[in-house]
């Protein structure tokens, strides 16, 4: 069974409205436990693969950032293939600021940091 077939079968067979219960927690029993387990197993497999791919992508981006260094662009045979945008924001986090400027009212004071954005062309 392909991934797409599994997803379509799960949509058709597993999605039902939850039953009302007397407690605070509403739950629903899987109509087809085997299919539900297959779907959950496949989701777990894809989630793990996604994490691995994101880690690899981050490593590659760091290598490209290192290649660019303090320059603005990376070229291959004269063509721009990557560029780096840089900006600096001030970090301002102290106990006094936290008391006088609560994060709920002034969230912008708690988000400041050095940032970079890599663009692959």
PDB file of N, CA and C in Angstrom:
ATOM      1  N   UNK A   1       0.852  -1.172   0.000  1.00  0.00           N
ATOM      2  CA  UNK A   1       0.000   0.000   0.000  1.00  0.00           C
ATOM      3  C   UNK A   1       0.899   1.236   0.000  1.00  0.00           C
ATOM      4  N   UNK A   2       0.656   2.167  -0.910  1.00  0.00           N
ATOM      5  CA  UNK A   2       1.454   3.388  -0.974  1.00  0.00           C
ATOM      6  C   UNK A   2       1.050   4.332   0.157  1.00  0.00           C
ATOM      7  N   UNK A   3       1.925   5.324   0.411  1.00  0.00           N
ATOM      8  CA  UNK A   3       1.621   6.314   1.446  1.00  0.00           C
ATOM      9  C   UNK A   3       0.308   7.029   1.143  1.00  0.00           C
ATOM     10  N   UNK A   4       0.106   7.388  -0.117  1.00  0.00           N
ATOM     11  CA  UNK A   4      -1.108   8.104  -0.504  1.00  0.00           C
ATOM     12  C   UNK A   4      -2.333   7.222  -0.289  1.00  0.00           C
ATOM     13  N   UNK A   5      -2.230   5.922  -0.626  1.00  0.00           N
ATOM     14  CA  UNK A   5      -3.347   4.997  -0.408  1.00  0.00           C
ATOM     15  C   UNK A   5      -3.673   4.882   1.075  1.00  0.00           C
ATOM     16  N   UNK A   6      -2.619   4.812   1.903  1.00  0.00           N
ATOM     17  CA  UNK A   6      -2.817   4.726   3.343  1.00  0.00           C
ATOM     18  C   UNK A   6      -3.547   5.957   3.869  1.00  0.00           C
ATOM     19  N   UNK A   7      -3.135   7.119   3.404  1.00  0.00           N
ATOM     20  CA  UNK A   7      -3.769   8.371   3.841  1.00  0.00           C
ATOM     21  C   UNK A   7      -5.229   8.412   3.410  1.00  0.00           C
ATOM     22  N   UNK A   8      -5.499   8.059   2.163  1.00  0.00           N
ATOM     23  CA  UNK A   8      -6.871   8.086   1.667  1.00  0.00           C
ATOM     24  C   UNK A   8      -7.758   7.077   2.403  1.00  0.00           C
ATOM     25  N   UNK A   9      -7.230   5.891   2.644  1.00  0.00           N
ATOM     26  CA  UNK A   9      -8.004   4.880   3.364  1.00  0.00           C
ATOM     27  C   UNK A   9      -8.254   5.326   4.801  1.00  0.00           C
ATOM     28  N   UNK A  10      -7.253   5.946   5.416  1.00  0.00           N
ATOM     29  CA  UNK A  10      -7.415   6.434   6.791  1.00  0.00           C
ATOM     30  C   UNK A  10      -8.477   7.524   6.856  1.00  0.00           C
ATOM     31  N   UNK A  11      -8.478   8.431   5.887  1.00  0.00           N
ATOM     32  CA  UNK A  11      -9.506   9.478   5.847  1.00  0.00           C
ATOM     33  C   UNK A  11     -10.896   8.864   5.744  1.00  0.00           C
ATOM     34  N   UNK A  12     -11.015   7.863   4.881  1.00  0.00           N
ATOM     35  CA  UNK A  12     -12.322   7.253   4.635  1.00  0.00           C
ATOM     36  C   UNK A  12     -12.810   6.422   5.815  1.00  0.00           C
ATOM     37  N   UNK A  13     -11.906   5.713   6.474  1.00  0.00           N
ATOM     38  CA  UNK A  13     -12.334   4.769   7.501  1.00  0.00           C
ATOM     39  C   UNK A  13     -12.190   5.266   8.931  1.00  0.00           C
ATOM     40  N   UNK A  14     -11.230   6.145   9.194  1.00  0.00           N
ATOM     41  CA  UNK A  14     -10.911   6.472  10.575  1.00  0.00           C
ATOM     42  C   UNK A  14     -11.520   7.771  11.085  1.00  0.00           C
ATOM     43  N   UNK A  15     -11.865   8.667  10.201  1.00  0.00           N
ATOM     44  CA  UNK A  15     -12.356   9.964  10.648  1.00  0.00           C
ATOM     45  C   UNK A  15     -13.846   9.865  10.965  1.00  0.00           C
ATOM     46  N   UNK A  16     -14.133   9.945  12.238  1.00  0.00           N
ATOM     47  CA  UNK A  16     -15.515   9.906  12.717  1.00  0.00           C
ATOM     48  C   UNK A  16     -15.688  10.988  13.767  1.00  0.00           C
ATOM     49  N   UNK A  17     -16.920  11.375  14.033  1.00  0.00           N
ATOM     50  CA  UNK A  17     -17.160  12.383  15.052  1.00  0.00           C
ATOM     51  C   UNK A  17     -17.031  11.741  16.429  1.00  0.00           C
ATOM     52  N   UNK A  18     -16.405  12.440  17.382  1.00  0.00           N
ATOM     53  CA  UNK A  18     -16.272  11.886  18.716  1.00  0.00           C
ATOM     54  C   UNK A  18     -17.627  11.741  19.393  1.00  0.00           C
ATOM     55  N   UNK A  19     -17.737  10.728  20.210  1.00  0.00           N
ATOM     56  CA  UNK A  19     -18.969  10.497  20.954  1.00  0.00           C
ATOM     57  C   UNK A  19     -18.965  11.357  22.202  1.00  0.00           C
ATOM     58  N   UNK A  20     -20.152  11.804  22.601  1.00  0.00           N
ATOM     59  CA  UNK A  20     -20.272  12.598  23.823  1.00  0.00           C
ATOM     60  C   UNK A  20     -19.964  11.706  25.019  1.00  0.00           C
ATOM     61  N   UNK A  21     -19.270  12.273  25.996  1.00  0.00           N
ATOM     62  CA  UNK A  21     -18.965  11.515  27.201  1.00  0.00           C
ATOM     63  C   UNK A  21     -19.328  12.339  28.420  1.00  0.00           C
ATOM     64  N   UNK A  22     -19.481  11.682  29.546  1.00  0.00           N
ATOM     65  CA  UNK A  22     -19.851  12.371  30.770  1.00  0.00           C
ATOM     66  C   UNK A  22     -18.672  13.101  31.384  1.00  0.00           C
ATOM     67  N   UNK A  23     -17.476  12.638  31.163  1.00  0.00           N
ATOM     68  CA  UNK A  23     -16.282  13.267  31.721  1.00  0.00           C
ATOM     69  C   UNK A  23     -15.857  14.479  30.908  1.00  0.00           C
ATOM     70  N   UNK A  24     -14.795  15.122  31.370  1.00  0.00           N
ATOM     71  CA  UNK A  24     -14.273  16.299  30.677  1.00  0.00           C
ATOM     72  C   UNK A  24     -13.508  15.928  29.413  1.00  0.00           C
ATOM     73  N   UNK A  25     -12.940  14.737  29.395  1.00  0.00           N
ATOM     74  CA  UNK A  25     -12.130  14.299  28.253  1.00  0.00           C
ATOM     75  C   UNK A  25     -13.032  13.601  27.243  1.00  0.00           C
ATOM     76  N   UNK A  26     -12.959  14.064  26.010  1.00  0.00           N
ATOM     77  CA  UNK A  26     -13.703  13.416  24.930  1.00  0.00           C
ATOM     78  C   UNK A  26     -12.741  12.533  24.163  1.00  0.00           C
ATOM     79  N   UNK A  27     -13.115  11.305  23.942  1.00  0.00           N
ATOM     80  CA  UNK A  27     -12.242  10.406  23.194  1.00  0.00           C
ATOM     81  C   UNK A  27     -13.077   9.624  22.197  1.00  0.00           C
ATOM     82  N   UNK A  28     -12.378   9.050  21.256  1.00  0.00           N
ATOM     83  CA  UNK A  28     -13.027   8.246  20.244  1.00  0.00           C
ATOM     84  C   UNK A  28     -12.171   7.000  20.028  1.00  0.00           C
ATOM     85  N   UNK A  29     -12.819   5.874  19.892  1.00  0.00           N
ATOM     86  CA  UNK A  29     -12.123   4.611  19.629  1.00  0.00           C
ATOM     87  C   UNK A  29     -11.917   4.480  18.121  1.00  0.00           C
ATOM     88  N   UNK A  30     -10.735   4.066  17.723  1.00  0.00           N
ATOM     89  CA  UNK A  30     -10.452   3.881  16.303  1.00  0.00           C
ATOM     90  C   UNK A  30     -11.372   2.805  15.741  1.00  0.00           C
ATOM     91  N   UNK A  31     -11.980   3.100  14.610  1.00  0.00           N
ATOM     92  CA  UNK A  31     -12.877   2.157  13.950  1.00  0.00           C
ATOM     93  C   UNK A  31     -12.100   0.951  13.451  1.00  0.00           C
ATOM     94  N   UNK A  32     -10.920   1.212  12.905  1.00  0.00           N
ATOM     95  CA  UNK A  32     -10.053   0.150  12.383  1.00  0.00           C
ATOM     96  C   UNK A  32      -8.696   0.283  13.065  1.00  0.00           C
ATOM     97  N   UNK A  33      -8.478  -0.443  14.173  1.00  0.00           N
ATOM     98  CA  UNK A  33      -7.235  -0.285  14.933  1.00  0.00           C
ATOM     99  C   UNK A  33      -5.973  -0.603  14.137  1.00  0.00           C
ATOM    100  N   UNK A  34      -6.036  -1.551  13.251  1.00  0.00           N
ATOM    101  CA  UNK A  34      -4.857  -1.915  12.457  1.00  0.00           C
ATOM    102  C   UNK A  34      -4.471  -0.768  11.529  1.00  0.00           C
ATOM    103  N   UNK A  35      -5.464  -0.216  10.831  1.00  0.00           N
ATOM    104  CA  UNK A  35      -5.205   0.911   9.937  1.00  0.00           C
ATOM    105  C   UNK A  35      -4.729   2.128  10.727  1.00  0.00           C
ATOM    106  N   UNK A  36      -5.327   2.357  11.888  1.00  0.00           N
ATOM    107  CA  UNK A  36      -4.906   3.480  12.731  1.00  0.00           C
ATOM    108  C   UNK A  36      -3.452   3.319  13.142  1.00  0.00           C
ATOM    109  N   UNK A  37      -3.063   2.111  13.538  1.00  0.00           N
ATOM    110  CA  UNK A  37      -1.671   1.864  13.912  1.00  0.00           C
ATOM    111  C   UNK A  37      -0.727   2.031  12.735  1.00  0.00           C
ATOM    112  N   UNK A  38      -1.146   1.597  11.548  1.00  0.00           N
ATOM    113  CA  UNK A  38      -0.321   1.783  10.348  1.00  0.00           C
ATOM    114  C   UNK A  38      -0.122   3.271  10.077  1.00  0.00           C
ATOM    115  N   UNK A  39      -1.198   4.038  10.192  1.00  0.00           N
ATOM    116  CA  UNK A  39      -1.134   5.477   9.954  1.00  0.00           C
ATOM    117  C   UNK A  39      -0.208   6.141  10.971  1.00  0.00           C
ATOM    118  N   UNK A  40      -0.349   5.789  12.243  1.00  0.00           N
ATOM    119  CA  UNK A  40       0.500   6.372  13.281  1.00  0.00           C
ATOM    120  C   UNK A  40       1.965   5.973  13.097  1.00  0.00           C
ATOM    121  N   UNK A  41       2.206   4.737  12.703  1.00  0.00           N
ATOM    122  CA  UNK A  41       3.578   4.281  12.465  1.00  0.00           C
ATOM    123  C   UNK A  41       4.199   5.036  11.289  1.00  0.00           C
ATOM    124  N   UNK A  42       3.429   5.200  10.212  1.00  0.00           N
ATOM    125  CA  UNK A  42       3.929   5.923   9.037  1.00  0.00           C
ATOM    126  C   UNK A  42       4.201   7.376   9.388  1.00  0.00           C
ATOM    127  N   UNK A  43       3.304   7.983  10.193  1.00  0.00           N
ATOM    128  CA  UNK A  43       3.498   9.368  10.611  1.00  0.00           C
ATOM    129  C   UNK A  43       4.786   9.491  11.417  1.00  0.00           C
ATOM    130  N   UNK A  44       5.018   8.562  12.322  1.00  0.00           N
ATOM    131  CA  UNK A  44       6.230   8.579  13.138  1.00  0.00           C
ATOM    132  C   UNK A  44       7.474   8.456  12.256  1.00  0.00           C
ATOM    133  N   UNK A  45       7.404   7.569  11.271  1.00  0.00           N
ATOM    134  CA  UNK A  45       8.520   7.380  10.338  1.00  0.00           C
ATOM    135  C   UNK A  45       8.795   8.665   9.552  1.00  0.00           C
ATOM    136  N   UNK A  46       7.738   9.301   9.052  1.00  0.00           N
ATOM    137  CA  UNK A  46       7.901  10.538   8.293  1.00  0.00           C
ATOM    138  C   UNK A  46       8.405  11.675   9.179  1.00  0.00           C
ATOM    139  N   UNK A  47       7.923  11.737  10.413  1.00  0.00           N
ATOM    140  CA  UNK A  47       8.365  12.770  11.345  1.00  0.00           C
ATOM    141  C   UNK A  47       9.870  12.623  11.615  1.00  0.00           C
ATOM    142  N   UNK A  48      10.318  11.389  11.843  1.00  0.00           N
ATOM    143  CA  UNK A  48      11.743  11.144  12.075  1.00  0.00           C
ATOM    144  C   UNK A  48      12.571  11.514  10.843  1.00  0.00           C
ATOM    145  N   UNK A  49      12.065  11.168   9.661  1.00  0.00           N
ATOM    146  CA  UNK A  49      12.765  11.518   8.421  1.00  0.00           C
ATOM    147  C   UNK A  49      12.823  13.032   8.256  1.00  0.00           C
ATOM    148  N   UNK A  50      11.742  13.710   8.580  1.00  0.00           N
ATOM    149  CA  UNK A  50      11.698  15.175   8.491  1.00  0.00           C
ATOM    150  C   UNK A  50      12.749  15.793   9.411  1.00  0.00           C
ATOM    151  N   UNK A  51      12.852  15.280  10.635  1.00  0.00           N
ATOM    152  CA  UNK A  51      13.848  15.808  11.573  1.00  0.00           C
ATOM    153  C   UNK A  51      15.259  15.603  11.034  1.00  0.00           C
ATOM    154  N   UNK A  52      15.530  14.412  10.479  1.00  0.00           N
ATOM    155  CA  UNK A  52      16.855  14.139   9.915  1.00  0.00           C
ATOM    156  C   UNK A  52      17.143  15.084   8.756  1.00  0.00           C
ATOM    157  N   UNK A  53      16.160  15.277   7.881  1.00  0.00           N
ATOM    158  CA  UNK A  53      16.349  16.164   6.729  1.00  0.00           C
ATOM    159  C   UNK A  53      16.551  17.612   7.171  1.00  0.00           C
ATOM    160  N   UNK A  54      15.806  18.048   8.183  1.00  0.00           N
ATOM    161  CA  UNK A  54      15.980  19.413   8.686  1.00  0.00           C
ATOM    162  C   UNK A  54      17.367  19.609   9.272  1.00  0.00           C
ATOM    163  N   UNK A  55      17.890  18.589   9.978  1.00  0.00           N
ATOM    164  CA  UNK A  55      19.242  18.669  10.523  1.00  0.00           C
ATOM    165  C   UNK A  55      20.275  18.741   9.401  1.00  0.00           C
ATOM    166  N   UNK A  56      20.103  17.921   8.355  1.00  0.00           N
ATOM    167  CA  UNK A  56      21.019  17.953   7.213  1.00  0.00           C
ATOM    168  C   UNK A  56      20.956  19.309   6.515  1.00  0.00           C
ATOM    169  N   UNK A  57      19.746  19.837   6.339  1.00  0.00           N
ATOM    170  CA  UNK A  57      19.577  21.139   5.697  1.00  0.00           C
ATOM    171  C   UNK A  57      20.260  22.230   6.509  1.00  0.00           C
ATOM    172  N   UNK A  58      20.122  22.175   7.830  1.00  0.00           N
ATOM    173  CA  UNK A  58      20.768  23.160   8.694  1.00  0.00           C
ATOM    174  C   UNK A  58      22.287  23.078   8.564  1.00  0.00           C
ATOM    175  N   UNK A  59      22.828  21.861   8.518  1.00  0.00           N
ATOM    176  CA  UNK A  59      24.274  21.691   8.341  1.00  0.00           C
ATOM    177  C   UNK A  59      24.735  22.274   7.007  1.00  0.00           C
ATOM    178  N   UNK A  60      23.973  22.001   5.943  1.00  0.00           N
ATOM    179  CA  UNK A  60      24.322  22.528   4.626  1.00  0.00           C
ATOM    180  C   UNK A  60      24.252  24.051   4.617  1.00  0.00           C
ATOM    181  N   UNK A  61      23.194  24.613   5.228  1.00  0.00           N
ATOM    182  CA  UNK A  61      23.072  26.073   5.299  1.00  0.00           C
ATOM    183  C   UNK A  61      24.254  26.682   6.048  1.00  0.00           C
ATOM    184  N   UNK A  62      24.695  26.025   7.125  1.00  0.00           N
ATOM    185  CA  UNK A  62      25.844  26.532   7.876  1.00  0.00           C
ATOM    186  C   UNK A  62      27.108  26.503   7.034  1.00  0.00           C
ATOM    187  N   UNK A  63      27.282  25.463   6.222  1.00  0.00           N
ATOM    188  CA  UNK A  63      28.443  25.399   5.326  1.00  0.00           C
ATOM    189  C   UNK A  63      28.384  26.537   4.315  1.00  0.00           C
ATOM    190  N   UNK A  64      27.201  26.772   3.747  1.00  0.00           N
ATOM    191  CA  UNK A  64      27.044  27.867   2.778  1.00  0.00           C
ATOM    192  C   UNK A  64      27.303  29.206   3.450  1.00  0.00           C
ATOM    193  N   UNK A  65      26.794  29.385   4.680  1.00  0.00           N
ATOM    194  CA  UNK A  65      27.065  30.625   5.421  1.00  0.00           C
ATOM    195  C   UNK A  65      28.570  30.800   5.624  1.00  0.00           C
ATOM    196  N   UNK A  66      29.262  29.698   5.978  1.00  0.00           N
ATOM    197  CA  UNK A  66      30.711  29.767   6.163  1.00  0.00           C
ATOM    198  C   UNK A  66      31.415  30.109   4.856  1.00  0.00           C
ATOM    199  N   UNK A  67      30.910  29.574   3.736  1.00  0.00           N
ATOM    200  CA  UNK A  67      31.505  29.887   2.435  1.00  0.00           C
ATOM    201  C   UNK A  67      31.363  31.383   2.133  1.00  0.00           C
ATOM    202  N   UNK A  68      30.188  31.939   2.440  1.00  0.00           N
ATOM    203  CA  UNK A  68      29.938  33.366   2.177  1.00  0.00           C
ATOM    204  C   UNK A  68      30.753  34.224   3.139  1.00  0.00           C
ATOM    205  N   UNK A  69      30.890  33.758   4.380  1.00  0.00           N
ATOM    206  CA  UNK A  69      31.682  34.495   5.369  1.00  0.00           C
ATOM    207  C   UNK A  69      31.144  35.893   5.591  1.00  0.00           C
ATOM    208  N   UNK A  70      32.034  36.887   5.513  1.00  0.00           N
ATOM    209  CA  UNK A  70      31.616  38.274   5.735  1.00  0.00           C
ATOM    210  C   UNK A  70      31.174  38.951   4.442  1.00  0.00           C
ATOM    211  N   UNK A  71      31.119  38.197   3.347  1.00  0.00           N
ATOM    212  CA  UNK A  71      30.665  38.744   2.076  1.00  0.00           C
ATOM    213  C   UNK A  71      29.134  38.717   2.010  1.00  0.00           C
ATOM    214  N   UNK A  72      28.609  39.187   0.915  1.00  0.00           N
ATOM    215  CA  UNK A  72      27.157  39.250   0.761  1.00  0.00           C
ATOM    216  C   UNK A  72      26.595  38.151  -0.127  1.00  0.00           C
ATOM    217  N   UNK A  73      27.395  37.662  -1.070  1.00  0.00           N
ATOM    218  CA  UNK A  73      26.883  36.705  -2.047  1.00  0.00           C
ATOM    219  C   UNK A  73      27.877  35.584  -2.305  1.00  0.00           C
ATOM    220  N   UNK A  74      27.353  34.458  -2.758  1.00  0.00           N
ATOM    221  CA  UNK A  74      28.159  33.337  -3.237  1.00  0.00           C
ATOM    222  C   UNK A  74      27.814  33.149  -4.702  1.00  0.00           C
ATOM    223  N   UNK A  75      28.845  33.072  -5.544  1.00  0.00           N
ATOM    224  CA  UNK A  75      28.603  32.869  -6.968  1.00  0.00           C
ATOM    225  C   UNK A  75      29.270  31.574  -7.416  1.00  0.00           C
ATOM    226  N   UNK A  76      28.691  30.971  -8.449  1.00  0.00           N
ATOM    227  CA  UNK A  76      29.260  29.797  -9.101  1.00  0.00           C
ATOM    228  C   UNK A  76      29.285  30.105 -10.586  1.00  0.00           C
ATOM    229  N   UNK A  77      30.482  30.104 -11.171  1.00  0.00           N
ATOM    230  CA  UNK A  77      30.660  30.475 -12.587  1.00  0.00           C
ATOM    231  C   UNK A  77      30.029  31.828 -12.886  1.00  0.00           C
ATOM    232  N   UNK A  78      30.155  32.763 -11.940  1.00  0.00           N
ATOM    233  CA  UNK A  78      29.657  34.114 -12.143  1.00  0.00           C
ATOM    234  C   UNK A  78      28.182  34.317 -11.833  1.00  0.00           C
ATOM    235  N   UNK A  79      27.442  33.240 -11.595  1.00  0.00           N
ATOM    236  CA  UNK A  79      26.008  33.363 -11.298  1.00  0.00           C
ATOM    237  C   UNK A  79      25.788  33.339  -9.790  1.00  0.00           C
ATOM    238  N   UNK A  80      24.969  34.277  -9.301  1.00  0.00           N
ATOM    239  CA  UNK A  80      24.675  34.331  -7.877  1.00  0.00           C
ATOM    240  C   UNK A  80      23.822  33.125  -7.499  1.00  0.00           C
ATOM    241  N   UNK A  81      24.299  32.328  -6.544  1.00  0.00           N
ATOM    242  CA  UNK A  81      23.567  31.136  -6.116  1.00  0.00           C
ATOM    243  C   UNK A  81      23.063  31.245  -4.683  1.00  0.00           C
ATOM    244  N   UNK A  82      23.653  32.129  -3.894  1.00  0.00           N
ATOM    245  CA  UNK A  82      23.205  32.318  -2.516  1.00  0.00           C
ATOM    246  C   UNK A  82      23.598  33.710  -2.061  1.00  0.00           C
ATOM    247  N   UNK A  83      22.823  34.261  -1.157  1.00  0.00           N
ATOM    248  CA  UNK A  83      23.155  35.567  -0.599  1.00  0.00           C
ATOM    249  C   UNK A  83      22.797  35.578   0.881  1.00  0.00           C
ATOM    250  N   UNK A  84      23.414  36.514   1.584  1.00  0.00           N
ATOM    251  CA  UNK A  84      23.198  36.610   3.015  1.00  0.00           C
ATOM    252  C   UNK A  84      22.723  38.017   3.345  1.00  0.00           C
ATOM    253  N   UNK A  85      21.587  38.105   4.021  1.00  0.00           N
ATOM    254  CA  UNK A  85      21.099  39.388   4.533  1.00  0.00           C
ATOM    255  C   UNK A  85      21.411  39.402   6.019  1.00  0.00           C
ATOM    256  N   UNK A  86      21.931  40.499   6.496  1.00  0.00           N
ATOM    257  CA  UNK A  86      22.299  40.603   7.909  1.00  0.00           C
ATOM    258  C   UNK A  86      21.656  41.835   8.508  1.00  0.00           C
ATOM    259  N   UNK A  87      21.233  41.686   9.758  1.00  0.00           N
ATOM    260  CA  UNK A  87      20.772  42.838  10.506  1.00  0.00           C
ATOM    261  C   UNK A  87      20.993  42.566  11.979  1.00  0.00           C
ATOM    262  N   UNK A  88      21.060  43.595  12.740  1.00  0.00           N
ATOM    263  CA  UNK A  88      21.325  43.464  14.167  1.00  0.00           C
ATOM    264  C   UNK A  88      20.221  44.169  14.933  1.00  0.00           C
ATOM    265  N   UNK A  89      19.735  43.496  15.931  1.00  0.00           N
ATOM    266  CA  UNK A  89      18.758  44.082  16.830  1.00  0.00           C
ATOM    267  C   UNK A  89      19.326  44.023  18.234  1.00  0.00           C
ATOM    268  N   UNK A  90      18.937  44.951  19.050  1.00  0.00           N
ATOM    269  CA  UNK A  90      19.485  45.042  20.396  1.00  0.00           C
ATOM    270  C   UNK A  90      18.782  44.097  21.350  1.00  0.00           C
ATOM    271  N   UNK A  91      19.560  43.400  22.164  1.00  0.00           N
ATOM    272  CA  UNK A  91      19.001  42.531  23.202  1.00  0.00           C
ATOM    273  C   UNK A  91      18.858  43.349  24.480  1.00  0.00           C
ATOM    274  N   UNK A  92      17.687  43.340  25.072  1.00  0.00           N
ATOM    275  CA  UNK A  92      17.440  44.121  26.266  1.00  0.00           C
ATOM    276  C   UNK A  92      16.577  43.306  27.216  1.00  0.00           C
ATOM    277  N   UNK A  93      17.232  42.469  28.018  1.00  0.00           N
ATOM    278  CA  UNK A  93      16.490  41.632  28.950  1.00  0.00           C
ATOM    279  C   UNK A  93      17.161  41.723  30.315  1.00  0.00           C
ATOM    280  N   UNK A  94      16.542  42.424  31.240  1.00  0.00           N
ATOM    281  CA  UNK A  94      17.023  42.504  32.624  1.00  0.00           C
ATOM    282  C   UNK A  94      15.827  42.361  33.538  1.00  0.00           C
ATOM    283  N   UNK A  95      16.105  42.102  34.816  1.00  0.00           N
ATOM    284  CA  UNK A  95      15.010  41.962  35.780  1.00  0.00           C
ATOM    285  C   UNK A  95      14.207  43.258  35.887  1.00  0.00           C
ATOM    286  N   UNK A  96      14.866  44.408  35.864  1.00  0.00           N
ATOM    287  CA  UNK A  96      14.160  45.690  35.948  1.00  0.00           C
ATOM    288  C   UNK A  96      13.230  45.869  34.758  1.00  0.00           C
ATOM    289  N   UNK A  97      13.720  45.552  33.571  1.00  0.00           N
ATOM    290  CA  UNK A  97      12.892  45.680  32.374  1.00  0.00           C
ATOM    291  C   UNK A  97      11.698  44.738  32.463  1.00  0.00           C
ATOM    292  N   UNK A  98      11.924  43.522  32.952  1.00  0.00           N
ATOM    293  CA  UNK A  98      10.834  42.555  33.069  1.00  0.00           C
ATOM    294  C   UNK A  98       9.748  43.056  34.005  1.00  0.00           C
ATOM    295  N   UNK A  99      10.138  43.732  35.071  1.00  0.00           N
ATOM    296  CA  UNK A  99       9.159  44.249  36.028  1.00  0.00           C
ATOM    297  C   UNK A  99       8.431  45.466  35.452  1.00  0.00           C
ATOM    298  N   UNK A 100       9.182  46.392  34.874  1.00  0.00           N
ATOM    299  CA  UNK A 100       8.588  47.634  34.376  1.00  0.00           C
ATOM    300  C   UNK A 100       7.873  47.458  33.037  1.00  0.00           C
ATOM    301  N   UNK A 101       8.324  46.504  32.240  1.00  0.00           N
ATOM    302  CA  UNK A 101       7.745  46.266  30.926  1.00  0.00           C
ATOM    303  C   UNK A 101       7.386  44.783  30.796  1.00  0.00           C
ATOM    304  N   UNK A 102       6.211  44.371  31.279  1.00  0.00           N
ATOM    305  CA  UNK A 102       5.820  42.950  31.225  1.00  0.00           C
ATOM    306  C   UNK A 102       5.790  42.439  29.792  1.00  0.00           C
ATOM    307  N   UNK A 103       6.203  41.194  29.610  1.00  0.00           N
ATOM    308  CA  UNK A 103       6.291  40.608  28.279  1.00  0.00           C
ATOM    309  C   UNK A 103       4.936  40.608  27.575  1.00  0.00           C
ATOM    310  N   UNK A 104       3.847  40.481  28.326  1.00  0.00           N
ATOM    311  CA  UNK A 104       2.513  40.477  27.710  1.00  0.00           C
ATOM    312  C   UNK A 104       2.195  41.818  27.059  1.00  0.00           C
ATOM    313  N   UNK A 105       2.685  42.899  27.648  1.00  0.00           N
ATOM    314  CA  UNK A 105       2.396  44.233  27.109  1.00  0.00           C
ATOM    315  C   UNK A 105       3.465  44.731  26.135  1.00  0.00           C
ATOM    316  N   UNK A 106       4.686  44.262  26.293  1.00  0.00           N
ATOM    317  CA  UNK A 106       5.797  44.724  25.460  1.00  0.00           C
ATOM    318  C   UNK A 106       6.619  43.551  24.918  1.00  0.00           C
ATOM    319  N   UNK A 107       6.020  42.675  24.116  1.00  0.00           N
ATOM    320  CA  UNK A 107       6.755  41.494  23.646  1.00  0.00           C
ATOM    321  C   UNK A 107       7.962  41.828  22.773  1.00  0.00           C
ATOM    322  N   UNK A 108       7.938  42.992  22.126  1.00  0.00           N
ATOM    323  CA  UNK A 108       9.046  43.351  21.239  1.00  0.00           C
ATOM    324  C   UNK A 108      10.364  43.504  21.998  1.00  0.00           C
ATOM    325  N   UNK A 109      10.306  43.806  23.292  1.00  0.00           N
ATOM    326  CA  UNK A 109      11.532  43.939  24.079  1.00  0.00           C
ATOM    327  C   UNK A 109      12.210  42.597  24.337  1.00  0.00           C
ATOM    328  N   UNK A 110      11.473  41.523  24.177  1.00  0.00           N
ATOM    329  CA  UNK A 110      11.991  40.205  24.510  1.00  0.00           C
ATOM    330  C   UNK A 110      12.332  39.365  23.282  1.00  0.00           C
ATOM    331  N   UNK A 111      12.292  39.955  22.105  1.00  0.00           N
ATOM    332  CA  UNK A 111      12.549  39.208  20.883  1.00  0.00           C
ATOM    333  C   UNK A 111      13.812  39.665  20.170  1.00  0.00           C
ATOM    334  N   UNK A 112      14.555  40.552  20.734  1.00  0.00           N
ATOM    335  CA  UNK A 112      15.682  41.137  20.015  1.00  0.00           C
ATOM    336  C   UNK A 112      16.904  40.243  20.054  1.00  0.00           C
ATOM    337  N   UNK A 113      17.509  40.039  18.874  1.00  0.00           N
ATOM    338  CA  UNK A 113      18.697  39.191  18.769  1.00  0.00           C
ATOM    339  C   UNK A 113      19.368  39.432  17.423  1.00  0.00           C
ATOM    340  N   UNK A 114      20.618  38.984  17.308  1.00  0.00           N
ATOM    341  CA  UNK A 114      21.286  39.033  16.000  1.00  0.00           C
ATOM    342  C   UNK A 114      20.614  38.017  15.092  1.00  0.00           C
ATOM    343  N   UNK A 115      20.384  38.386  13.846  1.00  0.00           N
ATOM    344  CA  UNK A 115      19.698  37.483  12.917  1.00  0.00           C
ATOM    345  C   UNK A 115      20.403  37.500  11.565  1.00  0.00           C
ATOM    346  N   UNK A 116      20.266  36.384  10.861  1.00  0.00           N
ATOM    347  CA  UNK A 116      20.713  36.311   9.474  1.00  0.00           C
ATOM    348  C   UNK A 116      19.658  35.555   8.686  1.00  0.00           C
ATOM    349  N   UNK A 117      19.586  35.815   7.418  1.00  0.00           N
ATOM    350  CA  UNK A 117      18.667  35.087   6.550  1.00  0.00           C
ATOM    351  C   UNK A 117      19.436  34.657   5.317  1.00  0.00           C
ATOM    352  N   UNK A 118      19.443  33.357   5.063  1.00  0.00           N
ATOM    353  CA  UNK A 118      20.113  32.798   3.900  1.00  0.00           C
ATOM    354  C   UNK A 118      19.082  32.618   2.800  1.00  0.00           C
ATOM    355  N   UNK A 119      19.405  33.076   1.606  1.00  0.00           N
ATOM    356  CA  UNK A 119      18.521  32.890   0.459  1.00  0.00           C
ATOM    357  C   UNK A 119      19.276  32.101  -0.600  1.00  0.00           C
ATOM    358  N   UNK A 120      18.673  31.007  -1.038  1.00  0.00           N
ATOM    359  CA  UNK A 120      19.261  30.217  -2.123  1.00  0.00           C
ATOM    360  C   UNK A 120      18.535  30.623  -3.400  1.00  0.00           C
ATOM    361  N   UNK A 121      19.284  31.015  -4.419  1.00  0.00           N
ATOM    362  CA  UNK A 121      18.678  31.526  -5.656  1.00  0.00           C
ATOM    363  C   UNK A 121      18.559  30.428  -6.699  1.00  0.00           C
TER     364      UNK A 121
END
